Amino acid sequence: MIRSDRLQRIAEIVMVLGIVALCQPWNLFLHRYGLTIILVGLVTFLFTNWFGAKVVSDDEDAPKGEGHP
């Protein structure tokens, strides 16, 4: 199973590659599907943030309620 932080990094790289594919003028296939590549990376990024592992702090002095005092 791929960890969520690694999958998030892969999604960021896919989004950047989609932008490069959209902006390059040499290959029509890449130019045509550049926006689709960006959207696949974006949806993957959103899902990894939504379903990713929760970070639990070990700070005992931190307040237990919501927000900051």
PDB file of N, CA and C in Angstrom:
ATOM      1  N   MET A   1       0.851  -1.188   0.000  1.00  0.00           N
ATOM      2  CA  MET A   1       0.000   0.000   0.000  1.00  0.00           C
ATOM      3  C   MET A   1       0.886   1.237   0.000  1.00  0.00           C
ATOM      4  N   ILE A   2       0.525   2.200  -0.807  1.00  0.00           N
ATOM      5  CA  ILE A   2       1.293   3.437  -0.895  1.00  0.00           C
ATOM      6  C   ILE A   2       0.852   4.363   0.232  1.00  0.00           C
ATOM      7  N   ARG A   3       1.829   4.954   0.928  1.00  0.00           N
ATOM      8  CA  ARG A   3       1.501   5.893   2.001  1.00  0.00           C
ATOM      9  C   ARG A   3       0.911   7.162   1.404  1.00  0.00           C
ATOM     10  N   SER A   4       0.084   7.850   2.180  1.00  0.00           N
ATOM     11  CA  SER A   4      -0.633   9.014   1.652  1.00  0.00           C
ATOM     12  C   SER A   4       0.310  10.167   1.324  1.00  0.00           C
ATOM     13  N   ASP A   5       1.397  10.342   2.082  1.00  0.00           N
ATOM     14  CA  ASP A   5       2.306  11.442   1.764  1.00  0.00           C
ATOM     15  C   ASP A   5       3.050  11.188   0.456  1.00  0.00           C
ATOM     16  N   ARG A   6       3.366   9.927   0.187  1.00  0.00           N
ATOM     17  CA  ARG A   6       4.021   9.605  -1.079  1.00  0.00           C
ATOM     18  C   ARG A   6       3.049   9.762  -2.254  1.00  0.00           C
ATOM     19  N   LEU A   7       1.809   9.326  -2.073  1.00  0.00           N
ATOM     20  CA  LEU A   7       0.806   9.474  -3.119  1.00  0.00           C
ATOM     21  C   LEU A   7       0.482  10.946  -3.371  1.00  0.00           C
ATOM     22  N   GLN A   8       0.537  11.753  -2.325  1.00  0.00           N
ATOM     23  CA  GLN A   8       0.312  13.187  -2.476  1.00  0.00           C
ATOM     24  C   GLN A   8       1.432  13.812  -3.308  1.00  0.00           C
ATOM     25  N   ARG A   9       2.665  13.395  -3.075  1.00  0.00           N
ATOM     26  CA  ARG A   9       3.792  13.911  -3.860  1.00  0.00           C
ATOM     27  C   ARG A   9       3.673  13.481  -5.321  1.00  0.00           C
ATOM     28  N   ILE A  10       3.234  12.241  -5.571  1.00  0.00           N
ATOM     29  CA  ILE A  10       3.033  11.768  -6.935  1.00  0.00           C
ATOM     30  C   ILE A  10       1.941  12.584  -7.617  1.00  0.00           C
ATOM     31  N   ALA A  11       0.865  12.909  -6.897  1.00  0.00           N
ATOM     32  CA  ALA A  11      -0.215  13.712  -7.467  1.00  0.00           C
ATOM     33  C   ALA A  11       0.275  15.111  -7.831  1.00  0.00           C
ATOM     34  N   GLU A  12       1.150  15.691  -7.011  1.00  0.00           N
ATOM     35  CA  GLU A  12       1.716  17.003  -7.335  1.00  0.00           C
ATOM     36  C   GLU A  12       2.552  16.933  -8.610  1.00  0.00           C
ATOM     37  N   ILE A  13       3.339  15.878  -8.757  1.00  0.00           N
ATOM     38  CA  ILE A  13       4.164  15.718  -9.949  1.00  0.00           C
ATOM     39  C   ILE A  13       3.285  15.525 -11.185  1.00  0.00           C
ATOM     40  N   VAL A  14       2.196  14.775 -11.048  1.00  0.00           N
ATOM     41  CA  VAL A  14       1.271  14.569 -12.171  1.00  0.00           C
ATOM     42  C   VAL A  14       0.642  15.893 -12.591  1.00  0.00           C
ATOM     43  N   MET A  15       0.291  16.742 -11.630  1.00  0.00           N
ATOM     44  CA  MET A  15      -0.281  18.045 -11.977  1.00  0.00           C
ATOM     45  C   MET A  15       0.732  18.904 -12.738  1.00  0.00           C
ATOM     46  N   VAL A  16       1.975  18.899 -12.296  1.00  0.00           N
ATOM     47  CA  VAL A  16       3.013  19.679 -12.986  1.00  0.00           C
ATOM     48  C   VAL A  16       3.239  19.126 -14.392  1.00  0.00           C
ATOM     49  N   LEU A  17       3.279  17.809 -14.526  1.00  0.00           N
ATOM     50  CA  LEU A  17       3.440  17.213 -15.855  1.00  0.00           C
ATOM     51  C   LEU A  17       2.252  17.526 -16.758  1.00  0.00           C
ATOM     52  N   GLY A  18       1.059  17.636 -16.189  1.00  0.00           N
ATOM     53  CA  GLY A  18      -0.111  18.030 -16.978  1.00  0.00           C
ATOM     54  C   GLY A  18       0.006  19.457 -17.485  1.00  0.00           C
ATOM     55  N   ILE A  19       0.551  20.343 -16.666  1.00  0.00           N
ATOM     56  CA  ILE A  19       0.764  21.726 -17.112  1.00  0.00           C
ATOM     57  C   ILE A  19       1.800  21.766 -18.221  1.00  0.00           C
ATOM     58  N   VAL A  20       2.867  20.994 -18.072  1.00  0.00           N
ATOM     59  CA  VAL A  20       3.893  20.934 -19.118  1.00  0.00           C
ATOM     60  C   VAL A  20       3.300  20.362 -20.402  1.00  0.00           C
ATOM     61  N   ALA A  21       2.489  19.308 -20.290  1.00  0.00           N
ATOM     62  CA  ALA A  21       1.862  18.710 -21.468  1.00  0.00           C
ATOM     63  C   ALA A  21       0.912  19.690 -22.145  1.00  0.00           C
ATOM     64  N   LEU A  22       0.246  20.503 -21.376  1.00  0.00           N
ATOM     65  CA  LEU A  22      -0.693  21.466 -21.946  1.00  0.00           C
ATOM     66  C   LEU A  22       0.029  22.602 -22.662  1.00  0.00           C
ATOM     67  N   CYS A  23       1.194  22.978 -22.183  1.00  0.00           N
ATOM     68  CA  CYS A  23       1.898  24.136 -22.734  1.00  0.00           C
ATOM     69  C   CYS A  23       2.856  23.795 -23.866  1.00  0.00           C
ATOM     70  N   GLN A  24       3.189  22.536 -24.059  1.00  0.00           N
ATOM     71  CA  GLN A  24       4.150  22.191 -25.110  1.00  0.00           C
ATOM     72  C   GLN A  24       3.429  22.125 -26.458  1.00  0.00           C
ATOM     73  N   PRO A  25       4.077  22.572 -27.552  1.00  0.00           N
ATOM     74  CA  PRO A  25       3.404  22.616 -28.849  1.00  0.00           C
ATOM     75  C   PRO A  25       3.746  21.459 -29.802  1.00  0.00           C
ATOM     76  N   TRP A  26       4.556  20.472 -29.387  1.00  0.00           N
ATOM     77  CA  TRP A  26       5.070  19.480 -30.327  1.00  0.00           C
ATOM     78  C   TRP A  26       4.203  18.256 -30.464  1.00  0.00           C
ATOM     79  N   ASN A  27       3.575  17.808 -29.409  1.00  0.00           N
ATOM     80  CA  ASN A  27       2.821  16.561 -29.432  1.00  0.00           C
ATOM     81  C   ASN A  27       1.343  16.881 -29.214  1.00  0.00           C
ATOM     82  N   LEU A  28       0.542  16.607 -30.221  1.00  0.00           N
ATOM     83  CA  LEU A  28      -0.885  16.936 -30.135  1.00  0.00           C
ATOM     84  C   LEU A  28      -1.611  16.077 -29.099  1.00  0.00           C
ATOM     85  N   PHE A  29      -1.200  14.813 -28.949  1.00  0.00           N
ATOM     86  CA  PHE A  29      -1.831  13.937 -27.960  1.00  0.00           C
ATOM     87  C   PHE A  29      -1.658  14.488 -26.555  1.00  0.00           C
ATOM     88  N   LEU A  30      -0.437  14.883 -26.201  1.00  0.00           N
ATOM     89  CA  LEU A  30      -0.194  15.439 -24.868  1.00  0.00           C
ATOM     90  C   LEU A  30      -0.931  16.759 -24.677  1.00  0.00           C
ATOM     91  N   HIS A  31      -0.957  17.586 -25.722  1.00  0.00           N
ATOM     92  CA  HIS A  31      -1.662  18.872 -25.627  1.00  0.00           C
ATOM     93  C   HIS A  31      -3.165  18.653 -25.453  1.00  0.00           C
ATOM     94  N   ARG A  32      -3.700  17.660 -26.138  1.00  0.00           N
ATOM     95  CA  ARG A  32      -5.138  17.391 -26.069  1.00  0.00           C
ATOM     96  C   ARG A  32      -5.554  16.886 -24.692  1.00  0.00           C
ATOM     97  N   TYR A  33      -4.721  16.060 -24.048  1.00  0.00           N
ATOM     98  CA  TYR A  33      -5.084  15.468 -22.770  1.00  0.00           C
ATOM     99  C   TYR A  33      -4.379  16.117 -21.582  1.00  0.00           C
ATOM    100  N   GLY A  34      -3.793  17.284 -21.770  1.00  0.00           N
ATOM    101  CA  GLY A  34      -3.108  17.980 -20.680  1.00  0.00           C
ATOM    102  C   GLY A  34      -4.042  18.357 -19.544  1.00  0.00           C
ATOM    103  N   LEU A  35      -5.215  18.851 -19.875  1.00  0.00           N
ATOM    104  CA  LEU A  35      -6.175  19.229 -18.837  1.00  0.00           C
ATOM    105  C   LEU A  35      -6.682  17.995 -18.080  1.00  0.00           C
ATOM    106  N   THR A  36      -6.871  16.896 -18.794  1.00  0.00           N
ATOM    107  CA  THR A  36      -7.293  15.655 -18.135  1.00  0.00           C
ATOM    108  C   THR A  36      -6.220  15.170 -17.163  1.00  0.00           C
ATOM    109  N   ILE A  37      -4.956  15.284 -17.546  1.00  0.00           N
ATOM    110  CA  ILE A  37      -3.854  14.891 -16.668  1.00  0.00           C
ATOM    111  C   ILE A  37      -3.834  15.766 -15.424  1.00  0.00           C
ATOM    112  N   ILE A  38      -4.044  17.063 -15.589  1.00  0.00           N
ATOM    113  CA  ILE A  38      -4.082  17.973 -14.447  1.00  0.00           C
ATOM    114  C   ILE A  38      -5.231  17.604 -13.516  1.00  0.00           C
ATOM    115  N   LEU A  39      -6.397  17.319 -14.073  1.00  0.00           N
ATOM    116  CA  LEU A  39      -7.568  16.982 -13.245  1.00  0.00           C
ATOM    117  C   LEU A  39      -7.382  15.665 -12.501  1.00  0.00           C
ATOM    118  N   VAL A  40      -6.747  14.678 -13.126  1.00  0.00           N
ATOM    119  CA  VAL A  40      -6.480  13.413 -12.441  1.00  0.00           C
ATOM    120  C   VAL A  40      -5.542  13.653 -11.258  1.00  0.00           C
ATOM    121  N   GLY A  41      -4.508  14.463 -11.467  1.00  0.00           N
ATOM    122  CA  GLY A  41      -3.600  14.793 -10.365  1.00  0.00           C
ATOM    123  C   GLY A  41      -4.303  15.565  -9.262  1.00  0.00           C
ATOM    124  N   LEU A  42      -5.183  16.478  -9.637  1.00  0.00           N
ATOM    125  CA  LEU A  42      -5.895  17.279  -8.647  1.00  0.00           C
ATOM    126  C   LEU A  42      -6.846  16.423  -7.810  1.00  0.00           C
ATOM    127  N   VAL A  43      -7.596  15.546  -8.458  1.00  0.00           N
ATOM    128  CA  VAL A  43      -8.524  14.679  -7.723  1.00  0.00           C
ATOM    129  C   VAL A  43      -7.752  13.737  -6.798  1.00  0.00           C
ATOM    130  N   THR A  44      -6.631  13.207  -7.270  1.00  0.00           N
ATOM    131  CA  THR A  44      -5.802  12.348  -6.422  1.00  0.00           C
ATOM    132  C   THR A  44      -5.267  13.121  -5.228  1.00  0.00           C
ATOM    133  N   PHE A  45      -4.828  14.354  -5.461  1.00  0.00           N
ATOM    134  CA  PHE A  45      -4.326  15.197  -4.380  1.00  0.00           C
ATOM    135  C   PHE A  45      -5.422  15.478  -3.346  1.00  0.00           C
ATOM    136  N   LEU A  46      -6.628  15.777  -3.817  1.00  0.00           N
ATOM    137  CA  LEU A  46      -7.735  16.055  -2.896  1.00  0.00           C
ATOM    138  C   LEU A  46      -8.106  14.829  -2.076  1.00  0.00           C
ATOM    139  N   PHE A  47      -8.149  13.664  -2.714  1.00  0.00           N
ATOM    140  CA  PHE A  47      -8.487  12.446  -1.977  1.00  0.00           C
ATOM    141  C   PHE A  47      -7.422  12.062  -0.972  1.00  0.00           C
ATOM    142  N   THR A  48      -6.143  12.283  -1.306  1.00  0.00           N
ATOM    143  CA  THR A  48      -5.101  11.946  -0.330  1.00  0.00           C
ATOM    144  C   THR A  48      -5.149  12.893   0.856  1.00  0.00           C
ATOM    145  N   ASN A  49      -5.532  14.131   0.642  1.00  0.00           N
ATOM    146  CA  ASN A  49      -5.686  15.046   1.774  1.00  0.00           C
ATOM    147  C   ASN A  49      -6.914  14.697   2.605  1.00  0.00           C
ATOM    148  N   TRP A  50      -7.958  14.252   1.951  1.00  0.00           N
ATOM    149  CA  TRP A  50      -9.202  13.959   2.644  1.00  0.00           C
ATOM    150  C   TRP A  50      -9.121  12.653   3.422  1.00  0.00           C
ATOM    151  N   PHE A  51      -8.566  11.618   2.796  1.00  0.00           N
ATOM    152  CA  PHE A  51      -8.515  10.295   3.412  1.00  0.00           C
ATOM    153  C   PHE A  51      -7.157   9.964   4.005  1.00  0.00           C
ATOM    154  N   GLY A  52      -6.211  10.884   3.973  1.00  0.00           N
ATOM    155  CA  GLY A  52      -4.862  10.624   4.458  1.00  0.00           C
ATOM    156  C   GLY A  52      -4.807  10.406   5.958  1.00  0.00           C
ATOM    157  N   ALA A  53      -3.640  10.003   6.413  1.00  0.00           N
ATOM    158  CA  ALA A  53      -3.441   9.741   7.837  1.00  0.00           C
ATOM    159  C   ALA A  53      -3.504  11.045   8.625  1.00  0.00           C
ATOM    160  N   LYS A  54      -4.116  10.978   9.777  1.00  0.00           N
ATOM    161  CA  LYS A  54      -4.212  12.148  10.644  1.00  0.00           C
ATOM    162  C   LYS A  54      -2.920  12.295  11.439  1.00  0.00           C
ATOM    163  N   VAL A  55      -2.446  13.519  11.564  1.00  0.00           N
ATOM    164  CA  VAL A  55      -1.239  13.789  12.325  1.00  0.00           C
ATOM    165  C   VAL A  55      -1.639  14.092  13.764  1.00  0.00           C
ATOM    166  N   VAL A  56      -1.081  13.331  14.697  1.00  0.00           N
ATOM    167  CA  VAL A  56      -1.381  13.509  16.113  1.00  0.00           C
ATOM    168  C   VAL A  56      -0.145  14.083  16.779  1.00  0.00           C
ATOM    169  N   SER A  57      -0.322  15.221  17.449  1.00  0.00           N
ATOM    170  CA  SER A  57       0.823  15.824  18.127  1.00  0.00           C
ATOM    171  C   SER A  57       1.009  15.193  19.496  1.00  0.00           C
ATOM    172  N   ASP A  58       2.257  15.090  19.909  1.00  0.00           N
ATOM    173  CA  ASP A  58       2.585  14.505  21.204  1.00  0.00           C
ATOM    174  C   ASP A  58       2.809  15.577  22.264  1.00  0.00           C
ATOM    175  N   ASP A  59       2.454  16.807  21.950  1.00  0.00           N
ATOM    176  CA  ASP A  59       2.668  17.919  22.868  1.00  0.00           C
ATOM    177  C   ASP A  59       1.636  17.855  23.993  1.00  0.00           C
ATOM    178  N   GLU A  60       2.100  17.617  25.219  1.00  0.00           N
ATOM    179  CA  GLU A  60       1.177  17.503  26.355  1.00  0.00           C
ATOM    180  C   GLU A  60       0.717  18.861  26.860  1.00  0.00           C
ATOM    181  N   ASP A  61       1.466  19.926  26.547  1.00  0.00           N
ATOM    182  CA  ASP A  61       1.108  21.261  27.003  1.00  0.00           C
ATOM    183  C   ASP A  61       0.107  21.941  26.076  1.00  0.00           C
ATOM    184  N   ALA A  62      -0.175  21.326  24.945  1.00  0.00           N
ATOM    185  CA  ALA A  62      -1.094  21.932  23.987  1.00  0.00           C
ATOM    186  C   ALA A  62      -2.516  21.899  24.543  1.00  0.00           C
ATOM    187  N   PRO A  63      -3.311  22.929  24.268  1.00  0.00           N
ATOM    188  CA  PRO A  63      -4.708  22.922  24.732  1.00  0.00           C
ATOM    189  C   PRO A  63      -5.494  21.819  24.033  1.00  0.00           C
ATOM    190  N   LYS A  64      -6.458  21.261  24.720  1.00  0.00           N
ATOM    191  CA  LYS A  64      -7.244  20.143  24.199  1.00  0.00           C
ATOM    192  C   LYS A  64      -8.445  20.601  23.383  1.00  0.00           C
ATOM    193  N   GLY A  65      -8.843  21.860  23.490  1.00  0.00           N
ATOM    194  CA  GLY A  65     -10.029  22.350  22.777  1.00  0.00           C
ATOM    195  C   GLY A  65      -9.711  22.758  21.360  1.00  0.00           C
ATOM    196  N   GLU A  66     -10.725  23.251  20.673  1.00  0.00           N
ATOM    197  CA  GLU A  66     -10.579  23.719  19.309  1.00  0.00           C
ATOM    198  C   GLU A  66      -9.904  25.080  19.283  1.00  0.00           C
ATOM    199  N   GLY A  67      -9.042  25.305  18.300  1.00  0.00           N
ATOM    200  CA  GLY A  67      -8.433  26.618  18.103  1.00  0.00           C
ATOM    201  C   GLY A  67      -7.390  26.967  19.147  1.00  0.00           C
ATOM    202  N   HIS A  68      -6.984  28.219  19.126  1.00  0.00           N
ATOM    203  CA  HIS A  68      -5.970  28.736  20.052  1.00  0.00           C
ATOM    204  C   HIS A  68      -6.613  29.670  21.068  1.00  0.00           C
ATOM    205  N   PRO A  69      -6.062  29.748  22.271  1.00  0.00           N
ATOM    206  CA  PRO A  69      -6.656  30.641  23.278  1.00  0.00           C
ATOM    207  C   PRO A  69      -6.432  32.100  22.952  1.00  0.00           C
TER     208      PRO A  69
END
